[in-house]
C-alpha atoms as a PDB file:
ATOM      1  CA  MET A   1     -14.367   7.323 -15.267  1.00  0.00           C
ATOM      2  CA  ASN A   2     -12.399  10.137 -13.658  1.00  0.00           C
ATOM      3  CA  GLU A   3      -8.839  10.039 -15.051  1.00  0.00           C
ATOM      4  CA  LEU A   4      -6.360  12.036 -12.986  1.00  0.00           C
ATOM      5  CA  SER A   5      -3.275  13.406 -14.630  1.00  0.00           C
ATOM      6  CA  PRO A   6       0.089  12.641 -13.025  1.00  0.00           C
ATOM      7  CA  GLU A   7       0.386  16.347 -12.178  1.00  0.00           C
ATOM      8  CA  ARG A   8      -2.783  16.166 -10.024  1.00  0.00           C
ATOM      9  CA  ARG A   9      -2.016  13.018  -8.050  1.00  0.00           C
ATOM     10  CA  PHE A  10      -1.352  12.911  -4.321  1.00  0.00           C
ATOM     11  CA  THR A  11       2.362  12.599  -3.615  1.00  0.00           C
ATOM     12  CA  LEU A  12       3.534  12.165  -0.038  1.00  0.00           C
ATOM     13  CA  VAL A  13       7.245  12.433   0.724  1.00  0.00           C
ATOM     14  CA  SER A  14       8.831  10.743   3.725  1.00  0.00           C
ATOM     15  CA  PRO A  15      11.517  12.526   5.766  1.00  0.00           C
ATOM     16  CA  ASP A  16      14.199  10.459   4.013  1.00  0.00           C
ATOM     17  CA  GLY A  17      12.903  11.295   0.520  1.00  0.00           C
ATOM     18  CA  ARG A  18      10.967   8.170  -0.404  1.00  0.00           C
ATOM     19  CA  GLU A  19       7.821   9.081  -2.311  1.00  0.00           C
ATOM     20  CA  MET A  20       4.366   7.606  -1.854  1.00  0.00           C
ATOM     21  CA  ARG A  21       2.690   8.504  -5.140  1.00  0.00           C
ATOM     22  CA  GLN A  22      -0.990   7.908  -5.713  1.00  0.00           C
ATOM     23  CA  LEU A  23      -1.224   5.163  -8.301  1.00  0.00           C
ATOM     24  CA  LEU A  24      -2.788   6.194 -11.583  1.00  0.00           C
ATOM     25  CA  PRO A  25      -3.510   4.073 -14.669  1.00  0.00           C
ATOM     26  CA  VAL A  26      -0.351   5.460 -16.285  1.00  0.00           C
ATOM     27  CA  ASP A  27       1.637   3.661 -13.545  1.00  0.00           C
ATOM     28  CA  ALA A  28       0.357   0.217 -14.574  1.00  0.00           C
ATOM     29  CA  PRO A  29       3.563  -0.944 -16.324  1.00  0.00           C
ATOM     30  CA  ASP A  30       5.706  -0.006 -13.306  1.00  0.00           C
ATOM     31  CA  TYR A  31       3.212  -1.550 -10.875  1.00  0.00           C
ATOM     32  CA  TRP A  32       2.964  -4.750 -12.901  1.00  0.00           C
ATOM     33  CA  GLY A  33       6.765  -4.861 -13.062  1.00  0.00           C
ATOM     34  CA  ALA A  34       6.965  -4.684  -9.262  1.00  0.00           C
ATOM     35  CA  ILE A  35       4.434  -7.523  -8.945  1.00  0.00           C
ATOM     36  CA  GLN A  36       6.387  -9.654 -11.415  1.00  0.00           C
ATOM     37  CA  GLN A  37       9.533  -9.398  -9.298  1.00  0.00           C
ATOM     38  CA  GLY A  38       8.193 -12.460  -7.519  1.00  0.00           C
ATOM     39  CA  GLY A  39       7.710 -13.433  -3.928  1.00  0.00           C
ATOM     40  CA  ARG A  40       4.182 -12.037  -3.773  1.00  0.00           C
ATOM     41  CA  GLU A  41       2.371 -15.361  -3.389  1.00  0.00           C
ATOM     42  CA  HIS A  42       0.936 -14.292  -0.031  1.00  0.00           C
ATOM     43  CA  LEU A  43      -1.126 -11.577  -1.733  1.00  0.00           C
ATOM     44  CA  ASN A  44      -3.754 -14.184  -2.594  1.00  0.00           C
ATOM     45  CA  GLN A  45      -4.652 -14.674   1.080  1.00  0.00           C
ATOM     46  CA  PHE A  46      -7.574 -12.295   0.652  1.00  0.00           C
ATOM     47  CA  GLY A  47      -8.971 -14.149  -2.347  1.00  0.00           C
ATOM     48  CA  GLU A  48      -7.128 -12.012  -4.912  1.00  0.00           C
ATOM     49  CA  ASP A  49      -4.436 -13.911  -6.757  1.00  0.00           C
ATOM     50  CA  ILE A  50      -2.604 -10.957  -8.262  1.00  0.00           C
ATOM     51  CA  ALA A  51       0.054 -13.080  -9.935  1.00  0.00           C
ATOM     52  CA  THR A  52      -2.659 -14.902 -11.916  1.00  0.00           C
ATOM     53  CA  ASN A  53      -5.340 -12.250 -12.419  1.00  0.00           C
ATOM     54  CA  ASN A  54      -3.045  -9.377 -13.424  1.00  0.00           C
ATOM     55  CA  GLU A  55      -1.467 -11.207 -16.322  1.00  0.00           C
ATOM     56  CA  ARG A  56      -0.664  -8.009 -18.146  1.00  0.00           C
ATOM     57  CA  ALA A  57      -0.362  -4.280 -17.626  1.00  0.00           C
ATOM     58  CA  GLU A  58      -3.784  -3.536 -19.185  1.00  0.00           C
ATOM     59  CA  ILE A  59      -5.631  -5.473 -16.479  1.00  0.00           C
ATOM     60  CA  THR A  60      -3.463  -3.717 -13.897  1.00  0.00           C
ATOM     61  CA  ARG A  61      -4.390  -0.364 -15.440  1.00  0.00           C
ATOM     62  CA  GLN A  62      -8.081  -1.265 -15.203  1.00  0.00           C
ATOM     63  CA  ARG A  63      -7.751  -2.298 -11.556  1.00  0.00           C
ATOM     64  CA  ILE A  64      -5.990   0.948 -10.665  1.00  0.00           C
ATOM     65  CA  GLN A  65      -8.771   2.918 -12.377  1.00  0.00           C
ATOM     66  CA  GLU A  66     -11.456   0.882 -10.573  1.00  0.00           C
ATOM     67  CA  SER A  67      -9.863   1.697  -7.203  1.00  0.00           C
ATOM     68  CA  LEU A  68      -9.817   5.406  -8.127  1.00  0.00           C
ATOM     69  CA  ASP A  69     -13.481   5.226  -9.134  1.00  0.00           C
ATOM     70  CA  ARG A  70     -14.347   3.662  -5.732  1.00  0.00           C
ATOM     71  CA  GLY A  71     -12.511   6.468  -3.951  1.00  0.00           C
ATOM     72  CA  ASP A  72      -9.758   4.250  -2.568  1.00  0.00           C
ATOM     73  CA  LEU A  73      -6.234   5.636  -2.269  1.00  0.00           C
ATOM     74  CA  ARG A  74      -3.463   3.423  -3.606  1.00  0.00           C
ATOM     75  CA  PHE A  75       0.122   4.610  -3.283  1.00  0.00           C
ATOM     76  CA  GLY A  76       3.200   3.241  -4.955  1.00  0.00           C
ATOM     77  CA  ILE A  77       6.372   3.340  -2.872  1.00  0.00           C
ATOM     78  CA  TRP A  78       8.997   4.966  -5.110  1.00  0.00           C
ATOM     79  CA  VAL A  79      12.726   5.063  -4.358  1.00  0.00           C
ATOM     80  CA  ARG A  80      15.798   6.176  -6.257  1.00  0.00           C
ATOM     81  CA  PRO A  81      18.407   3.408  -6.144  1.00  0.00           C
ATOM     82  CA  ALA A  82      22.049   4.475  -5.988  1.00  0.00           C
ATOM     83  CA  ALA A  83      23.416   5.465  -9.399  1.00  0.00           C
ATOM     84  CA  ALA A  84      19.948   5.256 -10.993  1.00  0.00           C
ATOM     85  CA  ASP A  85      18.599   7.971 -13.246  1.00  0.00           C
ATOM     86  CA  LYS A  86      14.948   7.377 -12.372  1.00  0.00           C
ATOM     87  CA  GLN A  87      12.856   6.257  -9.445  1.00  0.00           C
ATOM     88  CA  LEU A  88      11.728   2.664  -9.053  1.00  0.00           C
ATOM     89  CA  LEU A  89       8.381   1.448  -7.754  1.00  0.00           C
ATOM     90  CA  VAL A  90       9.229  -1.116  -5.058  1.00  0.00           C
ATOM     91  CA  GLY A  91       5.888  -1.648  -3.305  1.00  0.00           C
ATOM     92  CA  HIS A  92       2.417  -0.478  -2.433  1.00  0.00           C
ATOM     93  CA  VAL A  93       0.394   0.981   0.428  1.00  0.00           C
ATOM     94  CA  GLY A  94      -3.345   1.044  -0.195  1.00  0.00           C
ATOM     95  CA  LEU A  95      -6.276   2.508   1.688  1.00  0.00           C
ATOM     96  CA  THR A  96      -9.849   1.291   1.311  1.00  0.00           C
ATOM     97  CA  PHE A  97     -12.758   3.343   2.630  1.00  0.00           C
ATOM     98  CA  ASP A  98     -16.130   1.702   3.296  1.00  0.00           C
ATOM     99  CA  ASP A  99     -19.586   3.254   3.556  1.00  0.00           C
ATOM    100  CA  ALA A 100     -19.529   3.073   7.364  1.00  0.00           C
ATOM    101  CA  GLY A 101     -16.431   5.281   7.522  1.00  0.00           C
ATOM    102  CA  ASN A 102     -13.970   2.478   8.250  1.00  0.00           C
ATOM    103  CA  VAL A 103     -10.522   2.655   6.694  1.00  0.00           C
ATOM    104  CA  SER A 104      -8.389  -0.405   5.957  1.00  0.00           C
ATOM    105  CA  ILE A 105      -4.754  -0.492   4.887  1.00  0.00           C
ATOM    106  CA  GLY A 106      -2.852  -3.073   2.890  1.00  0.00           C
ATOM    107  CA  TYR A 107       0.792  -3.109   1.891  1.00  0.00           C
ATOM    108  CA  TRP A 108       3.485  -5.115   0.165  1.00  0.00           C
ATOM    109  CA  VAL A 109       7.043  -4.684  -1.069  1.00  0.00           C
ATOM    110  CA  GLY A 110       8.646  -6.603  -3.948  1.00  0.00           C
ATOM    111  CA  GLU A 111      10.953  -9.390  -2.823  1.00  0.00           C
ATOM    112  CA  PRO A 112      14.233  -7.769  -3.957  1.00  0.00           C
ATOM    113  CA  HIS A 113      13.411  -4.705  -1.820  1.00  0.00           C
ATOM    114  CA  THR A 114      12.256  -6.279   1.449  1.00  0.00           C
ATOM    115  CA  ARG A 115      13.982  -5.651   4.781  1.00  0.00           C
ATOM    116  CA  GLN A 116      15.013  -2.134   3.732  1.00  0.00           C
ATOM    117  CA  GLY A 117      12.315  -0.231   5.623  1.00  0.00           C
ATOM    118  CA  HIS A 118      10.227   0.591   2.542  1.00  0.00           C
ATOM    119  CA  ALA A 119       6.953  -0.819   3.907  1.00  0.00           C
ATOM    120  CA  SER A 120       7.377   0.812   7.326  1.00  0.00           C
ATOM    121  CA  CYS A 121       8.275   4.135   5.729  1.00  0.00           C
ATOM    122  CA  GLY A 122       5.336   3.939   3.340  1.00  0.00           C
ATOM    123  CA  ILE A 123       2.881   3.027   6.075  1.00  0.00           C
ATOM    124  CA  THR A 124       3.983   5.749   8.492  1.00  0.00           C
ATOM    125  CA  THR A 125       3.992   8.370   5.733  1.00  0.00           C
ATOM    126  CA  VAL A 126       0.499   7.404   4.547  1.00  0.00           C
ATOM    127  CA  LEU A 127      -0.828   7.166   8.120  1.00  0.00           C
ATOM    128  CA  GLY A 128       0.513  10.644   8.837  1.00  0.00           C
ATOM    129  CA  PHE A 129      -1.587  11.886   5.928  1.00  0.00           C
ATOM    130  CA  VAL A 130      -4.674   9.870   6.904  1.00  0.00           C
ATOM    131  CA  PHE A 131      -4.611  10.962  10.542  1.00  0.00           C
ATOM    132  CA  GLY A 132      -3.291  14.488  10.072  1.00  0.00           C
ATOM    133  CA  VAL A 133      -5.054  15.641   6.904  1.00  0.00           C
ATOM    134  CA  LEU A 134      -8.071  13.365   6.504  1.00  0.00           C
ATOM    135  CA  ARG A 135      -8.600  13.327  10.306  1.00  0.00           C
ATOM    136  CA  VAL A 136      -9.533   9.641  10.377  1.00  0.00           C
ATOM    137  CA  ASP A 137      -9.614   8.232  13.934  1.00  0.00           C
ATOM    138  CA  ARG A 138      -8.359   4.715  13.221  1.00  0.00           C
ATOM    139  CA  VAL A 139      -7.108   2.479  10.435  1.00  0.00           C
ATOM    140  CA  ASN A 140      -7.405  -1.311  10.364  1.00  0.00           C
ATOM    141  CA  ALA A 141      -5.078  -3.889   8.852  1.00  0.00           C
ATOM    142  CA  LEU A 142      -5.868  -7.548   8.279  1.00  0.00           C
ATOM    143  CA  VAL A 143      -2.734  -9.697   8.268  1.00  0.00           C
ATOM    144  CA  HIS A 144      -2.438 -13.427   7.628  1.00  0.00           C
ATOM    145  CA  VAL A 145      -1.165 -15.210  10.734  1.00  0.00           C
ATOM    146  CA  ASP A 146       1.622 -16.896   8.719  1.00  0.00           C
ATOM    147  CA  ASN A 147       2.912 -13.606   7.285  1.00  0.00           C
ATOM    148  CA  GLU A 148       5.483 -12.885   9.975  1.00  0.00           C
ATOM    149  CA  ALA A 149       7.104  -9.979   8.108  1.00  0.00           C
ATOM    150  CA  SER A 150       3.784  -8.182   7.657  1.00  0.00           C
ATOM    151  CA  ARG A 151       2.892  -8.774  11.296  1.00  0.00           C
ATOM    152  CA  ARG A 152       6.224  -7.284  12.430  1.00  0.00           C
ATOM    153  CA  THR A 153       5.732  -4.322  10.101  1.00  0.00           C
ATOM    154  CA  ALA A 154       2.228  -3.637  11.444  1.00  0.00           C
ATOM    155  CA  GLU A 155       3.469  -3.736  15.032  1.00  0.00           C
ATOM    156  CA  ALA A 156       6.546  -1.621  14.265  1.00  0.00           C
ATOM    157  CA  THR A 157       4.390   1.104  12.705  1.00  0.00           C
ATOM    158  CA  GLY A 158       2.071   1.487  15.686  1.00  0.00           C
ATOM    159  CA  PHE A 159      -0.681  -1.009  14.948  1.00  0.00           C
ATOM    160  CA  VAL A 160      -2.000  -2.924  17.945  1.00  0.00           C
ATOM    161  CA  TRP A 161      -3.119  -6.521  17.811  1.00  0.00           C
ATOM    162  CA  GLY A 162      -6.878  -6.934  17.829  1.00  0.00           C
ATOM    163  CA  ARG A 163      -8.330 -10.386  17.359  1.00  0.00           C
ATOM    164  CA  MET A 164      -8.103 -13.481  15.211  1.00  0.00           C
ATOM    165  CA  ILE A 165     -10.585 -13.956  12.380  1.00  0.00           C
ATOM    166  CA  GLY A 166      -9.873 -17.395  11.005  1.00  0.00           C
ATOM    167  CA  LYS A 167      -6.224 -17.315   9.924  1.00  0.00           C
ATOM    168  CA  LYS A 168      -6.068 -13.521   9.912  1.00  0.00           C
ATOM    169  CA  ILE A 169      -5.183 -11.050  12.655  1.00  0.00           C
ATOM    170  CA  THR A 170      -6.840  -7.662  12.870  1.00  0.00           C
ATOM    171  CA  TYR A 171      -4.577  -4.769  13.796  1.00  0.00           C
ATOM    172  CA  THR A 172      -5.615  -1.176  14.451  1.00  0.00           C
ATOM    173  CA  ALA A 173      -3.657   2.090  14.437  1.00  0.00           C
ATOM    174  CA  PHE A 174      -5.114   5.112  16.191  1.00  0.00           C
ATOM    175  CA  ARG A 175      -4.752   8.786  15.356  1.00  0.00           C
ATOM    176  CA  GLY A 176      -3.285   9.656  18.778  1.00  0.00           C
ATOM    177  CA  LEU A 177      -0.081   7.808  17.916  1.00  0.00           C
ATOM    178  CA  TYR A 178       0.560  10.136  14.977  1.00  0.00           C
ATOM    179  CA  ASP A 179      -0.335  13.529  16.493  1.00  0.00           C
END
C-alpha cells in the first residue's frame, strides 16, 4: 500500500478556480458525503452499486486506496460555495488506465450541484492534464444511453460519439482538441 500525503497529491486548478484534487483515503468522508447527497442511482449501470456497496466511509477509503494501488487517477471536484469557509467536494472525475495503454474516464456530480458546469469543468481540466502532461492520444468514455445529462456533457467537452455496446455509447476525446 502506497499512502500519499495530501501535500503530495495531484491538484489541477481550472481557469475559474475550481480544483480537481486527486482523491486520497483521507478524503473518504467528503467523498462518501457527496455520494449520499442522492441522485446517483445511475452509477450502478456499470455493475457497481455505489449507494449500496459504499455503506460507510471506511469502505470508501478502501476503494480510494485500491484505485491508487492500481495506478488509476481519481479526482474530486472541489468548489468554494459563496459565504463558505471551506471547499466542498461536489463530484468526481476518474481515469482508469489498462495494460494496453487505453485510458477511460468516468464522472459524476452530486444532485444538488448539477447543471452548474462542474462536470464539464472537471473533465476539461483533467483532459488538459492527460493530453498535455501525460501525452495520452485519446480517452474513452462509456455512457449509458438513458443518461442524457452525461451524454450532453461528453459531447460538450469534445468527446465524439463512437458506437453502441448494448445500452451504452462509447465516446472518444482526442489529444488534438486540447493542444
